[in-house]
Amino acid sequence: MGGPAPPRNADDQTLHFLASQGYLPLALADHPRMMEAYTNLFAKSHEFFALPADSAQKTTYQAVSGPAASEEGYSKIEGEKSILTTRTSNRCPELLLSDLKTAWDLTGAFVEKTIRAIAVTLGLEEDVFLPFVTPCITLTETKTPTQLRMFRYDRPPTGSQPTVNAEKHKDLGLLSLVIGHSPGLQVFDTIKNVWLPIEEDTCLPPDARTRSGGLTATLLGGETLAFLTRGKYKAGVHRVVCAPGEVRNGNPDPFRFSIVYTLRPAPAPVYTKSFESEITGKFGVNEQCEGESSSVLFEKIMKSHWNINAAKDVREKQRQEQAARRRATVEKVGAEGPANGLTKPLSG
């Protein structure tokens, strides 16, 4: 099933599409240096994930256990996916470092240009987002909240039904760029209320996959962007659904690979007045931030979500805790009445 096709070669129009839908399919061939960088990084990604579990490249960068497992390092969720998350140059396996840094830096320049253009569409100062973006656009030894994740998803056996390897969710940051090696990413079309297989050719710009060396690129808006734009840019709802792999040389392809660059806000004071315009309107009293760190804002956003990339038992516990908080909110609103401005439970 095809979705609404974004206009080609019209930056203002494509950003309005991103604003209304929360996602935007791109042709990576329009950014040839990025296409080459991600082609090389996918090759190294295959090598890395194929290493034995006791390889020093994996054990040295083993992620911590618990809710933060996907925030940095290598982790594996049995029957679902393997993940490597990088946030600094000195915590990246040597096998990947050169190609990963090239891809990171090129993507950083791309998202910086994009976030400037987003500000202009909202009638804001072009550099209003830059305190949260500039420290993140190159890979260095200094850790920021921004990260690059490489995924290897486990496909279901041949003849089985497709499996949901990452449930419906939104990303937490400003922007995410998802580079796909084979279809699996699905986005939710808010106009038609249907899931779209955005990495399938029917949903892509014309000849996008062919021109991009078989790769796909999807830009997603995140929850921080939605907050700072007062919802003028939506956070893209998405999930990952893996089908059985194609049979090649008598053997089915057991994995789907993807790489995700997630731009999260670097620590800097937030002044919501700076994000008000005739287009965005004014922030409510309970939304205003005048000098509070973006880290505090991001922590609030993070606490309202469960981690889609944590181990299954960890995220189930997080879901239960959030459900309990929502019930408590509903009970509090019922007891206090609408005077506190809440008429429904806070969304997750």
Protein backbone atom coordinates (compact mmCIF):
# COMPACT_ATOMS: atom_id res chain seq x y z
CA MET A 1 0.00 0.00 0.00
CA GLY A 2 1.45 3.37 -0.99
CA GLY A 3 1.37 6.45 1.21
CA PRO A 4 1.26 10.15 0.45
CA ALA A 5 4.33 10.89 -1.63
CA PRO A 6 6.36 13.91 -0.48
CA PRO A 7 7.15 16.52 -3.15
CA ARG A 8 10.61 16.36 -4.72
CA ASN A 9 13.13 19.21 -4.77
CA ALA A 10 11.05 21.68 -2.78
CA ASP A 11 12.58 22.01 0.67
CA ASP A 12 9.80 24.09 2.22
CA GLN A 13 7.12 21.69 1.00
CA THR A 14 9.00 18.59 2.11
CA LEU A 15 9.43 20.05 5.59
CA HIS A 16 5.71 20.74 5.79
CA PHE A 17 5.19 17.07 4.95
CA LEU A 18 7.57 16.12 7.78
CA ALA A 19 5.72 18.50 10.11
CA SER A 20 2.29 17.03 9.41
CA GLN A 21 3.26 13.34 9.27
CA GLY A 22 6.30 13.11 11.55
CA TYR A 23 8.26 11.22 8.87
CA LEU A 24 9.83 11.96 5.50
CA PRO A 25 11.21 9.37 3.02
CA LEU A 26 14.41 10.55 1.36
CA ALA A 27 16.53 9.45 -1.58
CA LEU A 28 20.00 8.89 -0.16
CA ALA A 29 21.37 9.35 -3.68
CA ASP A 30 20.61 13.06 -3.29
CA HIS A 31 23.44 13.03 -0.71
CA PRO A 32 26.12 10.95 -2.50
CA ARG A 33 28.79 11.23 0.19
CA MET A 34 26.32 9.97 2.79
CA MET A 35 25.30 7.13 0.48
CA GLU A 36 28.92 6.01 0.17
CA ALA A 37 29.53 6.38 3.91
CA TYR A 38 26.51 4.28 4.90
CA THR A 39 27.27 1.65 2.26
CA ASN A 40 30.71 1.24 3.83
CA LEU A 41 29.32 1.27 7.37
CA PHE A 42 26.75 -1.43 6.55
CA ALA A 43 29.58 -3.65 5.31
CA LYS A 44 31.43 -3.15 8.60
CA SER A 45 28.18 -3.66 10.53
CA HIS A 46 27.81 -7.12 8.95
CA GLU A 47 31.37 -7.94 9.99
CA PHE A 48 30.88 -6.73 13.55
CA PHE A 49 27.65 -8.59 14.28
CA ALA A 50 29.08 -11.78 12.73
CA LEU A 51 31.94 -11.84 15.25
CA PRO A 52 31.78 -14.50 18.01
CA ALA A 53 30.04 -13.45 21.23
CA ASP A 54 33.35 -13.63 23.10
CA SER A 55 35.17 -11.41 20.60
CA ALA A 56 37.05 -8.54 22.24
CA GLN A 57 35.31 -6.15 19.84
CA LYS A 58 32.02 -7.11 21.55
CA THR A 59 33.05 -7.86 25.14
CA THR A 60 35.10 -4.65 25.51
CA TYR A 61 32.07 -2.59 24.62
CA GLN A 62 29.43 -4.72 26.34
CA ALA A 63 26.48 -2.58 27.44
CA VAL A 64 25.38 -2.37 31.04
CA SER A 65 22.31 -4.38 32.01
CA GLY A 66 18.92 -2.90 32.84
CA PRO A 67 16.96 0.03 31.36
CA ALA A 68 20.08 1.82 30.07
CA ALA A 69 21.39 -1.18 28.11
CA SER A 70 20.69 0.39 24.73
CA GLU A 71 22.17 3.80 25.60
CA GLU A 72 25.77 2.80 24.85
CA GLY A 73 27.64 -0.36 23.91
CA TYR A 74 26.74 -3.80 22.55
CA SER A 75 23.66 -5.71 23.66
CA LYS A 76 21.60 -8.62 22.40
CA ILE A 77 17.93 -9.38 22.96
CA GLU A 78 17.43 -13.06 22.20
CA GLY A 79 15.01 -13.81 19.39
CA GLU A 80 14.65 -10.14 18.52
CA LYS A 81 17.76 -8.06 17.76
CA SER A 82 21.37 -7.18 18.45
CA ILE A 83 22.32 -3.53 19.01
CA LEU A 84 25.52 -1.50 19.07
CA THR A 85 25.14 2.08 20.30
CA THR A 86 27.98 4.59 19.92
CA ARG A 87 28.14 8.02 21.52
CA THR A 88 31.88 8.80 21.56
CA SER A 89 34.91 8.00 19.44
CA ASN A 90 36.74 6.33 22.34
CA ARG A 91 33.84 3.93 23.03
CA CYS A 92 33.57 2.56 19.50
CA PRO A 93 35.00 -0.76 18.27
CA GLU A 94 38.11 -0.22 16.15
CA LEU A 95 36.57 -2.23 13.31
CA LEU A 96 33.86 0.42 12.91
CA LEU A 97 35.46 3.67 14.01
CA SER A 98 36.65 5.20 10.75
CA ASP A 99 33.50 4.49 8.73
CA LEU A 100 31.20 5.28 11.66
CA LYS A 101 32.83 8.68 12.22
CA THR A 102 32.52 9.53 8.53
CA ALA A 103 28.81 8.63 8.52
CA TRP A 104 28.20 10.48 11.81
CA ASP A 105 29.89 13.70 10.70
CA LEU A 106 28.13 13.80 7.32
CA THR A 107 24.78 13.11 8.98
CA GLY A 108 25.50 15.76 11.62
CA ALA A 109 25.99 18.37 8.91
CA PHE A 110 22.77 17.22 7.23
CA VAL A 111 20.62 17.43 10.39
CA GLU A 112 22.11 20.81 11.32
CA LYS A 113 21.06 22.18 7.93
CA THR A 114 17.64 20.56 8.32
CA ILE A 115 17.03 21.92 11.84
CA ARG A 116 17.91 25.44 10.62
CA ALA A 117 15.37 25.07 7.82
CA ILE A 118 12.75 23.80 10.28
CA ALA A 119 13.22 26.93 12.41
CA VAL A 120 12.64 29.14 9.37
CA THR A 121 9.37 27.35 8.49
CA LEU A 122 8.12 28.24 11.99
CA GLY A 123 9.03 31.92 11.84
CA LEU A 124 11.81 31.41 14.42
CA GLU A 125 15.41 32.58 14.41
CA GLU A 126 17.38 30.25 12.15
CA ASP A 127 19.89 29.39 14.88
CA VAL A 128 17.38 28.85 17.71
CA PHE A 129 18.01 25.08 17.90
CA LEU A 130 21.79 25.27 17.51
CA PRO A 131 22.78 25.34 21.24
CA PHE A 132 21.26 21.84 21.43
CA VAL A 133 22.63 20.65 18.07
CA THR A 134 26.12 22.05 17.41
CA PRO A 135 27.91 20.01 20.14
CA CYS A 136 26.50 16.81 18.61
CA ILE A 137 27.24 17.09 14.90
CA THR A 138 30.72 15.53 14.95
CA LEU A 139 31.84 12.33 16.68
CA THR A 140 34.43 13.18 19.34
CA GLU A 141 35.60 11.85 22.70
CA THR A 142 33.08 14.13 24.42
CA LYS A 143 29.82 12.36 25.19
CA THR A 144 26.52 14.00 24.28
CA PRO A 145 23.00 12.53 24.34
CA THR A 146 23.16 12.02 20.55
CA GLN A 147 23.91 8.49 19.39
CA LEU A 148 24.33 6.23 16.39
CA ARG A 149 22.80 2.77 16.69
CA MET A 150 23.42 -0.21 14.46
CA PHE A 151 20.78 -2.95 14.50
CA ARG A 152 20.72 -6.56 13.37
CA TYR A 153 17.14 -7.81 13.61
CA ASP A 154 16.37 -11.55 13.71
CA ARG A 155 13.98 -12.59 10.97
CA PRO A 156 11.29 -15.26 11.57
CA PRO A 157 11.77 -18.70 9.98
CA THR A 158 10.89 -19.25 6.33
CA GLY A 159 7.14 -19.80 5.93
CA SER A 160 6.30 -17.92 9.15
CA GLN A 161 4.30 -14.74 9.54
CA PRO A 162 6.19 -11.41 9.88
CA THR A 163 7.18 -10.53 13.45
CA VAL A 164 7.15 -7.17 15.23
CA ASN A 165 10.76 -6.68 16.33
CA ALA A 166 10.25 -3.15 17.68
CA GLU A 167 6.79 -2.16 18.86
CA LYS A 168 4.96 1.07 18.09
CA HIS A 169 6.88 4.04 19.52
CA LYS A 170 8.22 7.55 19.00
CA ASP A 171 11.83 8.65 19.27
CA LEU A 172 12.70 10.99 22.13
CA GLY A 173 15.04 13.52 20.55
CA LEU A 174 14.88 16.17 17.84
CA LEU A 175 15.41 14.20 14.62
CA SER A 176 16.32 10.63 13.69
CA LEU A 177 17.66 9.42 10.36
CA VAL A 178 16.95 5.73 9.70
CA ILE A 179 19.04 4.07 6.99
CA GLY A 180 17.65 0.72 5.91
CA HIS A 181 19.39 -2.16 4.15
CA SER A 182 16.12 -4.03 3.51
CA PRO A 183 12.44 -3.25 4.24
CA GLY A 184 11.10 -3.46 7.80
CA LEU A 185 10.47 0.06 9.06
CA GLN A 186 6.80 1.04 9.16
CA VAL A 187 5.42 4.52 9.86
CA PHE A 188 1.92 5.46 10.92
CA ASP A 189 0.03 7.63 8.42
CA THR A 190 -1.98 10.02 10.60
CA ILE A 191 -4.25 10.99 7.70
CA LYS A 192 -5.29 7.50 6.59
CA ASN A 193 -4.77 5.87 10.02
CA VAL A 194 -2.78 3.00 8.51
CA TRP A 195 0.72 1.60 8.85
CA LEU A 196 2.90 2.23 5.78
CA PRO A 197 5.92 0.05 4.92
CA ILE A 198 7.99 3.16 4.23
CA GLU A 199 11.05 1.22 3.03
CA GLU A 200 9.08 -0.56 0.30
CA ASP A 201 9.42 0.87 -3.21
CA THR A 202 5.71 1.78 -3.32
CA CYS A 203 6.22 4.31 -0.51
CA LEU A 204 9.54 5.79 -1.63
CA PRO A 205 10.37 8.70 -3.93
CA PRO A 206 10.69 7.47 -7.54
CA ASP A 207 13.69 5.15 -8.02
CA ALA A 208 15.00 6.11 -4.57
CA ARG A 209 16.29 2.64 -3.66
CA THR A 210 17.81 1.97 -7.09
CA ARG A 211 19.58 5.33 -7.18
CA SER A 212 20.73 4.90 -3.57
CA GLY A 213 22.55 1.60 -4.03
CA GLY A 214 19.74 -0.41 -2.44
CA LEU A 215 19.59 1.71 0.73
CA THR A 216 16.62 3.66 2.04
CA ALA A 217 16.55 6.77 4.23
CA THR A 218 13.71 8.00 6.45
CA LEU A 219 13.76 11.16 8.55
CA LEU A 220 11.66 11.06 11.74
CA GLY A 221 10.62 13.87 14.05
CA GLY A 222 11.09 13.24 17.78
CA GLU A 223 9.29 14.15 21.00
CA THR A 224 11.72 16.98 21.88
CA LEU A 225 11.13 18.59 18.50
CA ALA A 226 7.37 18.21 18.97
CA PHE A 227 7.57 19.94 22.37
CA LEU A 228 9.76 22.83 21.24
CA THR A 229 7.58 23.46 18.17
CA ARG A 230 4.37 23.15 20.20
CA GLY A 231 3.28 20.23 18.06
CA LYS A 232 3.72 22.00 14.72
CA TYR A 233 6.19 19.22 13.93
CA LYS A 234 4.83 15.85 14.97
CA ALA A 235 6.89 13.03 16.43
CA GLY A 236 6.76 10.18 13.94
CA VAL A 237 5.07 6.99 15.17
CA HIS A 238 6.90 3.93 13.84
CA ARG A 239 7.70 0.27 14.39
CA VAL A 240 9.86 -2.47 12.87
CA VAL A 241 8.24 -5.56 11.31
CA CYS A 242 10.52 -8.26 9.90
CA ALA A 243 9.38 -10.78 7.30
CA PRO A 244 11.17 -14.08 6.58
CA GLY A 245 14.27 -13.45 4.47
CA GLU A 246 14.60 -14.14 0.79
CA VAL A 247 16.22 -17.47 -0.07
CA ARG A 248 19.61 -16.98 -1.69
CA ASN A 249 21.83 -19.84 -2.82
CA GLY A 250 19.46 -22.21 -1.04
CA ASN A 251 19.65 -20.37 2.31
CA PRO A 252 17.24 -17.77 3.72
CA ASP A 253 18.65 -14.40 4.76
CA PRO A 254 18.29 -14.56 8.58
CA PHE A 255 18.74 -10.85 9.41
CA ARG A 256 17.59 -7.31 8.65
CA PHE A 257 20.14 -4.54 9.21
CA SER A 258 19.55 -0.85 9.86
CA ILE A 259 21.50 2.15 11.15
CA VAL A 260 19.86 4.98 13.08
CA TYR A 261 21.40 8.38 13.84
CA THR A 262 19.41 9.97 16.67
CA LEU A 263 19.92 13.68 17.30
CA ARG A 264 19.16 14.35 20.96
CA PRO A 265 19.56 17.81 22.57
CA ALA A 266 22.95 18.65 24.06
CA PRO A 267 22.76 20.21 27.56
CA ALA A 268 21.95 23.92 27.23
CA PRO A 269 19.45 26.33 28.82
CA VAL A 270 15.96 26.20 27.31
CA TYR A 271 14.06 29.46 26.88
CA THR A 272 10.66 28.60 25.49
CA LYS A 273 10.04 32.28 24.66
CA SER A 274 12.63 31.83 21.90
CA PHE A 275 10.40 29.18 20.31
CA GLU A 276 7.27 31.32 20.22
CA SER A 277 6.12 32.91 16.95
CA GLU A 278 2.93 33.72 15.11
CA ILE A 279 3.08 30.16 13.78
CA THR A 280 3.89 28.24 16.96
CA GLY A 281 1.89 30.42 19.38
CA LYS A 282 2.66 30.70 23.09
CA PHE A 283 3.61 28.01 25.59
CA GLY A 284 1.19 27.35 28.42
CA VAL A 285 2.10 28.19 31.98
CA ASN A 286 2.92 24.56 32.77
CA GLU A 287 5.06 24.23 29.63
CA GLN A 288 7.29 27.27 30.03
CA CYS A 289 11.03 26.88 30.60
CA GLU A 290 13.14 29.96 31.22
CA GLY A 291 16.71 28.83 31.68
CA GLU A 292 16.08 25.23 32.75
CA SER A 293 18.56 22.78 31.22
CA SER A 294 17.49 20.78 28.19
CA SER A 295 18.70 17.75 30.18
CA VAL A 296 15.81 18.28 32.61
CA LEU A 297 13.33 18.56 29.75
CA PHE A 298 14.71 15.46 28.07
CA GLU A 299 14.58 13.50 31.33
CA LYS A 300 10.90 14.37 31.69
CA ILE A 301 10.23 13.17 28.15
CA MET A 302 12.22 9.98 28.71
CA LYS A 303 10.35 9.13 31.91
CA SER A 304 7.05 9.19 30.04
CA HIS A 305 8.21 6.38 27.74
CA TRP A 306 9.39 2.82 28.09
CA ASN A 307 12.58 1.78 26.34
CA ILE A 308 11.81 -0.13 23.14
CA ASN A 309 15.40 -1.40 22.98
CA ALA A 310 15.69 -2.71 26.54
CA ALA A 311 15.42 -6.40 27.39
CA LYS A 312 11.88 -7.76 27.26
CA ASP A 313 11.48 -8.15 31.03
CA VAL A 314 12.86 -4.63 31.65
CA ARG A 315 10.51 -2.91 29.22
CA GLU A 316 7.53 -4.89 30.52
CA LYS A 317 8.31 -3.60 34.02
CA GLN A 318 8.58 -0.06 32.63
CA ARG A 319 5.21 -0.43 30.92
CA GLN A 320 3.58 -1.57 34.15
CA GLU A 321 5.12 1.32 36.09
CA GLN A 322 3.86 3.84 33.54
CA ALA A 323 0.40 2.31 33.56
CA ALA A 324 0.38 2.70 37.36
CA ARG A 325 1.44 6.36 37.04
CA ARG A 326 -1.32 7.02 34.52
CA ARG A 327 -3.92 5.45 36.81
CA ALA A 328 -2.64 7.60 39.67
CA THR A 329 -2.92 10.70 37.48
CA VAL A 330 -6.50 9.85 36.52
CA GLU A 331 -7.42 9.31 40.17
CA LYS A 332 -5.80 12.62 41.16
CA VAL A 333 -7.63 14.52 38.43
CA GLY A 334 -10.89 12.89 39.50
CA ALA A 335 -10.32 13.91 43.11
CA GLU A 336 -9.17 17.48 42.42
CA GLY A 337 -11.36 18.25 39.44
CA PRO A 338 -10.32 20.15 36.30
CA ALA A 339 -8.93 23.15 38.20
CA ASN A 340 -5.36 21.86 37.80
CA GLY A 341 -5.66 21.96 34.01
CA LEU A 342 -5.61 18.19 33.47
CA THR A 343 -8.63 16.58 31.89
CA LYS A 344 -7.08 13.29 30.78
CA PRO A 345 -4.07 11.17 31.72
CA LEU A 346 -0.68 12.29 30.43
CA SER A 347 0.21 10.51 27.21
CA GLY A 348 3.20 8.16 27.06
